[in-house]
Amino acid sequence: MILLKFLLDTNILSEPIRPEPILHVLEKLEQHQNEIATATVVWHEMLFGCQRLPVSRKRQKLEQYLYQTSTHPTLAGFAIKPDRFSKPVRFFFALK
């Protein structure tokens, strides 16, 4: 049984793909790779933000990273059906 100790948010999950990532954060991600998770809402937020970018190398790199991380770190789900939640969230972010 895997014991998850850390629930990661967008700022930590996006660190590995920053132009100049903070090495200490990368080391901690590696050190605790089997103890980390993120909420499906966080992953969806990152994917939606990526899909709003114009088609480019940056977007392609982000998409590749997100799809690789869709299996790790563990995605902590919620009891809300994705279609019930994601549409209002997409609408909210589209307003900004």
C-alpha atoms as a PDB file:
ATOM      1  CA  MET A   1       0.000   0.000   0.000  1.00  0.00           C
ATOM      2  CA  ILE A   2       1.292   3.435  -0.971  1.00  0.00           C
ATOM      3  CA  LEU A   3       1.113   6.094   1.707  1.00  0.00           C
ATOM      4  CA  LEU A   4       0.527   9.513   0.192  1.00  0.00           C
ATOM      5  CA  LYS A   5       1.965  12.316   2.304  1.00  0.00           C
ATOM      6  CA  PHE A   6       1.867  15.358   0.047  1.00  0.00           C
ATOM      7  CA  LEU A   7      -0.949  16.917  -1.989  1.00  0.00           C
ATOM      8  CA  LEU A   8       0.667  19.124  -4.625  1.00  0.00           C
ATOM      9  CA  ASP A   9      -0.744  22.286  -6.136  1.00  0.00           C
ATOM     10  CA  THR A  10      -0.098  23.903  -9.508  1.00  0.00           C
ATOM     11  CA  ASN A  11       2.996  25.851  -8.476  1.00  0.00           C
ATOM     12  CA  ILE A  12       4.900  22.704  -7.466  1.00  0.00           C
ATOM     13  CA  LEU A  13       3.622  20.533 -10.321  1.00  0.00           C
ATOM     14  CA  SER A  14       4.691  23.099 -12.903  1.00  0.00           C
ATOM     15  CA  GLU A  15       8.192  23.525 -11.449  1.00  0.00           C
ATOM     16  CA  PRO A  16       9.871  20.834 -13.618  1.00  0.00           C
ATOM     17  CA  ILE A  17       8.821  22.588 -16.840  1.00  0.00           C
ATOM     18  CA  ARG A  18       9.823  26.118 -15.845  1.00  0.00           C
ATOM     19  CA  PRO A  19      12.671  27.632 -17.870  1.00  0.00           C
ATOM     20  CA  GLU A  20      14.776  27.810 -14.679  1.00  0.00           C
ATOM     21  CA  PRO A  21      13.327  25.351 -12.147  1.00  0.00           C
ATOM     22  CA  ILE A  22      14.302  25.566  -8.500  1.00  0.00           C
ATOM     23  CA  LEU A  23      16.618  22.614  -7.968  1.00  0.00           C
ATOM     24  CA  HIS A  24      15.569  22.061  -4.355  1.00  0.00           C
ATOM     25  CA  VAL A  25      11.954  21.570  -5.488  1.00  0.00           C
ATOM     26  CA  LEU A  26      13.048  19.084  -8.178  1.00  0.00           C
ATOM     27  CA  GLU A  27      15.097  17.170  -5.612  1.00  0.00           C
ATOM     28  CA  LYS A  28      12.123  16.965  -3.235  1.00  0.00           C
ATOM     29  CA  LEU A  29       9.842  15.783  -6.048  1.00  0.00           C
ATOM     30  CA  GLU A  30      12.314  13.029  -6.867  1.00  0.00           C
ATOM     31  CA  GLN A  31      12.854  12.128  -3.215  1.00  0.00           C
ATOM     32  CA  HIS A  32       9.135  11.820  -2.488  1.00  0.00           C
ATOM     33  CA  GLN A  33       7.913  10.617  -5.884  1.00  0.00           C
ATOM     34  CA  ASN A  34       6.009   7.698  -4.355  1.00  0.00           C
ATOM     35  CA  GLU A  35       4.365   9.822  -1.669  1.00  0.00           C
ATOM     36  CA  ILE A  36       2.859  12.650  -3.730  1.00  0.00           C
ATOM     37  CA  ALA A  37      -0.519  13.246  -5.311  1.00  0.00           C
ATOM     38  CA  THR A  38      -2.483  16.077  -6.789  1.00  0.00           C
ATOM     39  CA  ALA A  39      -6.182  16.745  -7.026  1.00  0.00           C
ATOM     40  CA  THR A  40      -7.857  16.024 -10.340  1.00  0.00           C
ATOM     41  CA  VAL A  41      -9.154  19.600 -10.221  1.00  0.00           C
ATOM     42  CA  VAL A  42      -5.558  20.912 -10.167  1.00  0.00           C
ATOM     43  CA  TRP A  43      -4.549  18.724 -13.111  1.00  0.00           C
ATOM     44  CA  HIS A  44      -7.653  19.828 -15.018  1.00  0.00           C
ATOM     45  CA  GLU A  45      -6.859  23.483 -14.290  1.00  0.00           C
ATOM     46  CA  MET A  46      -3.353  23.039 -15.705  1.00  0.00           C
ATOM     47  CA  LEU A  47      -4.640  21.213 -18.791  1.00  0.00           C
ATOM     48  CA  PHE A  48      -7.299  23.832 -19.451  1.00  0.00           C
ATOM     49  CA  GLY A  49      -4.736  26.630 -19.104  1.00  0.00           C
ATOM     50  CA  CYS A  50      -2.456  24.800 -21.519  1.00  0.00           C
ATOM     51  CA  GLN A  51      -5.258  24.361 -24.060  1.00  0.00           C
ATOM     52  CA  ARG A  52      -5.903  28.105 -23.996  1.00  0.00           C
ATOM     53  CA  LEU A  53      -2.375  28.765 -25.286  1.00  0.00           C
ATOM     54  CA  PRO A  54      -1.871  29.241 -29.020  1.00  0.00           C
ATOM     55  CA  VAL A  55      -0.500  26.198 -30.837  1.00  0.00           C
ATOM     56  CA  SER A  56       3.262  26.393 -30.290  1.00  0.00           C
ATOM     57  CA  ARG A  57       6.283  24.459 -29.060  1.00  0.00           C
ATOM     58  CA  LYS A  58       5.588  25.698 -25.542  1.00  0.00           C
ATOM     59  CA  ARG A  59       2.045  24.346 -25.660  1.00  0.00           C
ATOM     60  CA  GLN A  60       3.239  21.046 -27.118  1.00  0.00           C
ATOM     61  CA  LYS A  61       5.823  20.697 -24.335  1.00  0.00           C
ATOM     62  CA  LEU A  62       3.199  21.468 -21.673  1.00  0.00           C
ATOM     63  CA  GLU A  63       0.704  19.001 -23.155  1.00  0.00           C
ATOM     64  CA  GLN A  64       3.322  16.273 -23.250  1.00  0.00           C
ATOM     65  CA  TYR A  65       4.259  16.948 -19.623  1.00  0.00           C
ATOM     66  CA  LEU A  66       0.626  16.933 -18.479  1.00  0.00           C
ATOM     67  CA  TYR A  67      -0.206  13.685 -20.215  1.00  0.00           C
ATOM     68  CA  GLN A  68       2.915  12.075 -18.750  1.00  0.00           C
ATOM     69  CA  THR A  69       1.898  13.225 -15.269  1.00  0.00           C
ATOM     70  CA  SER A  70      -1.701  12.074 -15.687  1.00  0.00           C
ATOM     71  CA  THR A  71      -0.605   8.714 -14.267  1.00  0.00           C
ATOM     72  CA  HIS A  72       1.931  10.060 -11.778  1.00  0.00           C
ATOM     73  CA  PRO A  73       1.703  11.808  -9.420  1.00  0.00           C
ATOM     74  CA  THR A  74      -1.434  10.063  -8.283  1.00  0.00           C
ATOM     75  CA  LEU A  75      -4.584  11.961  -9.119  1.00  0.00           C
ATOM     76  CA  ALA A  76      -6.804  12.255  -6.080  1.00  0.00           C
ATOM     77  CA  GLY A  77     -10.372  12.198  -7.318  1.00  0.00           C
ATOM     78  CA  PHE A  78     -13.493  13.620  -5.827  1.00  0.00           C
ATOM     79  CA  ALA A  79     -17.078  12.381  -5.655  1.00  0.00           C
ATOM     80  CA  ILE A  80     -18.186  15.006  -8.183  1.00  0.00           C
ATOM     81  CA  LYS A  81     -18.733  13.763 -11.720  1.00  0.00           C
ATOM     82  CA  PRO A  82     -16.174  15.512 -13.998  1.00  0.00           C
ATOM     83  CA  ASP A  83     -18.819  16.734 -16.467  1.00  0.00           C
ATOM     84  CA  ARG A  84     -20.793  18.390 -13.652  1.00  0.00           C
ATOM     85  CA  PHE A  85     -17.744  20.253 -12.406  1.00  0.00           C
ATOM     86  CA  SER A  86     -15.526  20.908 -15.406  1.00  0.00           C
ATOM     87  CA  LYS A  87     -18.051  22.869 -17.482  1.00  0.00           C
ATOM     88  CA  PRO A  88     -18.615  25.587 -14.846  1.00  0.00           C
ATOM     89  CA  VAL A  89     -14.856  25.728 -14.191  1.00  0.00           C
ATOM     90  CA  ARG A  90     -14.074  26.112 -17.895  1.00  0.00           C
ATOM     91  CA  PHE A  91     -16.691  28.851 -18.143  1.00  0.00           C
ATOM     92  CA  PHE A  92     -15.226  30.643 -15.110  1.00  0.00           C
ATOM     93  CA  PHE A  93     -11.675  30.572 -16.488  1.00  0.00           C
ATOM     94  CA  ALA A  94     -12.859  31.673 -19.936  1.00  0.00           C
ATOM     95  CA  LEU A  95     -14.195  34.862 -18.342  1.00  0.00           C
ATOM     96  CA  LYS A  96     -10.769  35.888 -17.097  1.00  0.00           C
END
